[in-house]
N, C-alpha and C. Protein backbone atom coordinates (compact mmCIF):
# COMPACT_ATOMS: atom_id res chain seq x y z
N UNK A 1 1.84 -19.99 -23.79
CA UNK A 1 0.93 -19.33 -22.57
C UNK A 1 1.42 -20.28 -21.68
N UNK A 2 1.53 -19.52 -20.39
CA UNK A 2 2.16 -19.84 -19.51
C UNK A 2 0.92 -20.84 -18.64
N UNK A 3 1.50 -21.97 -17.83
CA UNK A 3 0.56 -22.84 -17.42
C UNK A 3 0.28 -22.25 -15.93
N UNK A 4 -0.87 -22.78 -15.58
CA UNK A 4 -1.39 -21.85 -14.26
C UNK A 4 -0.34 -22.16 -13.05
N UNK A 5 -0.01 -21.11 -12.41
CA UNK A 5 1.02 -21.58 -11.52
C UNK A 5 0.30 -21.34 -10.07
N UNK A 6 1.17 -21.91 -9.18
CA UNK A 6 1.02 -21.63 -7.81
C UNK A 6 1.01 -20.55 -6.86
N UNK A 7 1.50 -19.54 -7.72
CA UNK A 7 1.67 -18.36 -7.03
C UNK A 7 0.98 -17.29 -7.93
N UNK A 8 0.37 -16.16 -6.77
CA UNK A 8 -0.08 -14.96 -7.17
C UNK A 8 0.79 -14.00 -7.69
N UNK A 9 0.30 -13.32 -8.81
CA UNK A 9 1.10 -11.83 -9.44
C UNK A 9 0.14 -11.02 -9.61
N UNK A 10 0.41 -9.98 -9.54
CA UNK A 10 -0.41 -8.56 -9.75
C UNK A 10 -0.54 -8.21 -11.10
N UNK A 11 -1.54 -8.18 -11.40
CA UNK A 11 -2.11 -7.70 -12.69
C UNK A 11 -2.93 -6.39 -12.61
N UNK A 12 -2.73 -5.69 -13.98
CA UNK A 12 -3.40 -4.26 -13.91
C UNK A 12 -4.11 -4.29 -15.33
N UNK A 13 -5.33 -3.86 -15.38
CA UNK A 13 -6.14 -3.86 -16.44
C UNK A 13 -6.22 -2.40 -16.61
N UNK A 14 -5.88 -1.89 -17.80
CA UNK A 14 -5.95 -0.67 -18.43
C UNK A 14 -7.24 -0.11 -19.53
N UNK A 15 -8.02 0.33 -18.80
CA UNK A 15 -9.43 0.52 -19.68
C UNK A 15 -10.00 2.11 -19.78
N UNK A 16 -10.95 2.18 -20.35
CA UNK A 16 -11.35 3.54 -20.28
C UNK A 16 -12.99 3.43 -20.85
N UNK A 17 -13.46 4.19 -20.83
CA UNK A 17 -15.33 4.08 -21.00
C UNK A 17 -15.71 4.33 -22.47
N UNK A 18 -14.50 4.05 -23.43
CA UNK A 18 -15.22 4.23 -24.73
C UNK A 18 -14.19 4.99 -25.62
N UNK A 19 -14.79 4.93 -27.15
CA UNK A 19 -13.85 5.61 -28.01
C UNK A 19 -14.12 7.33 -27.96
N UNK A 20 -15.45 7.42 -27.12
CA UNK A 20 -15.30 8.99 -26.95
C UNK A 20 -14.31 9.43 -25.76
N UNK A 21 -13.72 8.60 -25.01
CA UNK A 21 -13.22 8.97 -23.52
C UNK A 21 -12.33 8.32 -23.32
N UNK A 22 -11.32 8.11 -24.86
CA UNK A 22 -10.08 7.45 -24.97
C UNK A 22 -9.03 7.99 -24.37
N UNK A 23 -9.30 9.30 -24.07
CA UNK A 23 -8.03 10.26 -23.28
C UNK A 23 -8.00 9.96 -21.84
N UNK A 24 -8.81 9.33 -21.27
CA UNK A 24 -9.03 9.00 -19.83
C UNK A 24 -9.16 7.33 -19.50
N UNK A 25 -7.33 6.97 -19.62
CA UNK A 25 -7.66 5.68 -19.23
C UNK A 25 -7.40 5.57 -17.91
N UNK A 26 -8.28 4.17 -17.43
CA UNK A 26 -7.82 4.10 -15.78
C UNK A 26 -7.54 2.59 -15.69
N UNK A 27 -7.04 2.19 -14.11
CA UNK A 27 -6.68 1.12 -14.32
C UNK A 27 -7.47 0.42 -13.07
N UNK A 28 -7.46 -1.20 -12.85
CA UNK A 28 -7.87 -1.74 -11.55
C UNK A 28 -6.66 -2.94 -11.83
N UNK A 29 -6.16 -3.07 -10.73
CA UNK A 29 -5.30 -4.16 -10.09
C UNK A 29 -6.04 -5.01 -9.45
N UNK A 30 -5.23 -6.18 -9.65
CA UNK A 30 -5.95 -7.70 -9.40
C UNK A 30 -4.55 -8.29 -8.76
N UNK A 31 -4.97 -9.62 -8.02
CA UNK A 31 -4.11 -10.49 -7.81
C UNK A 31 -4.83 -11.98 -8.23
N UNK A 32 -3.88 -12.51 -9.18
CA UNK A 32 -4.30 -13.31 -9.90
C UNK A 32 -3.69 -14.71 -9.93
N UNK A 33 -3.87 -15.90 -10.63
CA UNK A 33 -2.72 -16.72 -10.83
C UNK A 33 -2.20 -16.61 -12.23
N UNK A 34 -3.29 -16.01 -13.41
CA UNK A 34 -3.07 -16.10 -14.60
C UNK A 34 -3.58 -14.64 -15.19
N UNK A 35 -3.19 -14.39 -16.36
CA UNK A 35 -3.70 -12.67 -17.17
C UNK A 35 -5.11 -13.39 -17.15
N UNK A 36 -5.53 -14.44 -17.68
CA UNK A 36 -6.95 -14.65 -17.90
C UNK A 36 -7.78 -14.39 -16.74
N UNK A 37 -7.30 -15.01 -15.47
CA UNK A 37 -8.00 -15.26 -14.57
C UNK A 37 -8.33 -13.72 -13.99
N UNK A 38 -7.28 -12.56 -14.19
CA UNK A 38 -7.43 -11.50 -13.68
C UNK A 38 -8.35 -10.55 -14.48
N UNK A 39 -8.47 -10.91 -15.88
CA UNK A 39 -9.24 -10.41 -16.84
C UNK A 39 -10.47 -11.18 -16.41
N UNK A 40 -10.81 -12.10 -16.09
CA UNK A 40 -12.35 -12.77 -15.99
C UNK A 40 -12.61 -12.16 -14.48
N UNK A 41 -11.87 -11.48 -13.47
CA UNK A 41 -12.46 -10.98 -12.21
C UNK A 41 -12.88 -9.69 -13.07
N UNK A 42 -11.82 -8.48 -13.56
CA UNK A 42 -12.56 -7.31 -14.23
C UNK A 42 -13.98 -7.31 -14.97
N UNK A 43 -14.06 -8.48 -15.70
CA UNK A 43 -15.10 -8.34 -16.36
C UNK A 43 -16.55 -8.69 -15.42
N UNK A 44 -16.23 -9.70 -14.51
CA UNK A 44 -17.16 -9.90 -13.42
C UNK A 44 -17.53 -8.37 -12.73
N UNK A 45 -16.46 -7.72 -12.13
CA UNK A 45 -16.77 -6.32 -11.41
C UNK A 45 -17.58 -5.78 -12.55
N UNK A 46 -17.31 -5.43 -13.85
CA UNK A 46 -17.79 -4.39 -14.34
C UNK A 46 -19.41 -5.01 -14.75
N UNK A 47 -19.82 -6.46 -14.96
CA UNK A 47 -21.27 -6.93 -15.03
C UNK A 47 -21.64 -6.56 -13.83
N UNK A 48 -21.34 -6.75 -12.88
CA UNK A 48 -21.49 -6.65 -11.22
C UNK A 48 -22.10 -5.23 -11.31
N UNK A 49 -21.29 -4.11 -11.81
CA UNK A 49 -21.78 -2.68 -11.38
C UNK A 49 -22.06 -2.25 -12.96
N UNK A 50 -22.75 -3.32 -13.52
CA UNK A 50 -23.59 -2.58 -14.78
C UNK A 50 -22.98 -1.54 -15.72
N UNK A 51 -21.23 -1.87 -15.70
CA UNK A 51 -20.36 -1.04 -16.45
C UNK A 51 -19.93 -1.21 -17.75
N UNK A 52 -19.87 -0.46 -18.48
CA UNK A 52 -19.39 -1.02 -20.03
C UNK A 52 -18.19 -0.05 -19.96
N UNK A 53 -17.05 -1.03 -20.67
CA UNK A 53 -15.85 -0.39 -20.90
C UNK A 53 -15.27 -1.05 -22.12
N UNK A 54 -14.07 -0.27 -22.53
CA UNK A 54 -13.35 -0.53 -23.52
C UNK A 54 -11.85 -1.07 -22.82
N UNK A 55 -11.66 -2.60 -22.76
CA UNK A 55 -10.38 -2.99 -22.60
C UNK A 55 -9.11 -2.62 -23.08
N UNK A 56 -8.40 -1.90 -23.18
CA UNK A 56 -7.30 -1.67 -23.74
C UNK A 56 -5.60 -2.53 -23.55
N UNK A 57 -5.61 -3.12 -22.43
CA UNK A 57 -4.48 -3.90 -22.13
C UNK A 57 -4.50 -4.65 -20.69
N UNK A 58 -3.93 -5.95 -20.73
CA UNK A 58 -3.61 -6.70 -19.45
C UNK A 58 -2.32 -6.70 -19.13
N UNK A 59 -1.68 -6.26 -18.22
CA UNK A 59 -0.42 -6.49 -17.57
C UNK A 59 0.06 -6.93 -16.52
N UNK A 60 1.12 -7.76 -16.59
CA UNK A 60 1.42 -8.29 -15.48
C UNK A 60 3.08 -7.75 -14.81
N UNK A 61 2.85 -8.00 -13.34
CA UNK A 61 3.95 -7.28 -12.76
C UNK A 61 5.02 -8.03 -12.55
N UNK A 62 5.99 -8.15 -12.59
CA UNK A 62 7.42 -8.82 -12.32
C UNK A 62 7.83 -8.80 -11.01
N UNK A 63 7.76 -9.88 -10.38
CA UNK A 63 7.97 -9.31 -8.74
C UNK A 63 9.58 -9.07 -8.62
N UNK A 64 10.29 -9.51 -9.59
CA UNK A 64 11.67 -9.12 -9.01
C UNK A 64 12.48 -7.82 -9.80
N UNK A 65 11.78 -7.55 -11.23
CA UNK A 65 12.23 -6.32 -11.45
C UNK A 65 11.19 -5.12 -11.57
N UNK A 66 9.85 -5.49 -10.86
CA UNK A 66 9.33 -4.63 -10.74
C UNK A 66 8.62 -3.68 -11.85
N UNK A 67 8.81 -4.16 -13.23
CA UNK A 67 8.23 -3.82 -14.39
C UNK A 67 7.05 -4.60 -15.01
N UNK A 68 6.26 -3.81 -15.42
CA UNK A 68 5.02 -4.46 -16.08
C UNK A 68 5.09 -4.74 -17.56
N UNK A 69 4.85 -5.83 -17.75
CA UNK A 69 4.94 -6.38 -19.08
C UNK A 69 3.36 -6.69 -19.44
N UNK A 70 3.02 -6.33 -20.84
CA UNK A 70 1.80 -6.53 -21.19
C UNK A 70 1.52 -8.25 -21.70
N UNK A 71 0.15 -8.40 -21.49
CA UNK A 71 0.06 -10.01 -22.00
C UNK A 71 -0.98 -9.97 -22.72
N UNK A 72 -0.12 -10.91 -23.85
CA UNK A 72 -1.43 -11.03 -25.33
C UNK A 72 -2.49 -11.80 -25.09
N UNK A 73 -3.30 -11.56 -24.39
CA UNK A 73 -4.63 -12.40 -23.89
C UNK A 73 -5.90 -11.76 -24.71
N UNK A 74 -5.87 -10.38 -25.04
CA UNK A 74 -7.07 -10.14 -25.37
C UNK A 74 -7.08 -10.39 -27.01
N UNK A 75 -6.12 -10.58 -27.76
CA UNK A 75 -6.69 -11.07 -28.98
C UNK A 75 -6.43 -12.54 -29.23
N UNK A 76 -6.47 -13.58 -28.21
CA UNK A 76 -6.27 -14.94 -28.43
C UNK A 76 -7.54 -15.23 -27.70
N UNK A 77 -8.04 -16.31 -28.39
CA UNK A 77 -9.45 -17.16 -28.25
C UNK A 77 -9.23 -18.22 -26.91
N UNK A 78 -7.77 -18.83 -26.85
CA UNK A 78 -7.36 -19.80 -26.16
C UNK A 78 -7.91 -19.92 -25.05
């Protein structure tokens, strides 16, 4: 796992409203130091707005290649 860096990266959270709405994915974008921090921002925002969602993936944008890479933090409890 990547140590917390001193650089902000762009992360996007792919989510939907649940099993019966799985065809309609949405994205939220966050500036954060780590994928775990971006996920925390997303969860806080959903709680604040009293929304329930199914999180599908957390992705980080590479600032050099401009490609999104999936971060494997949803299945890890570390």
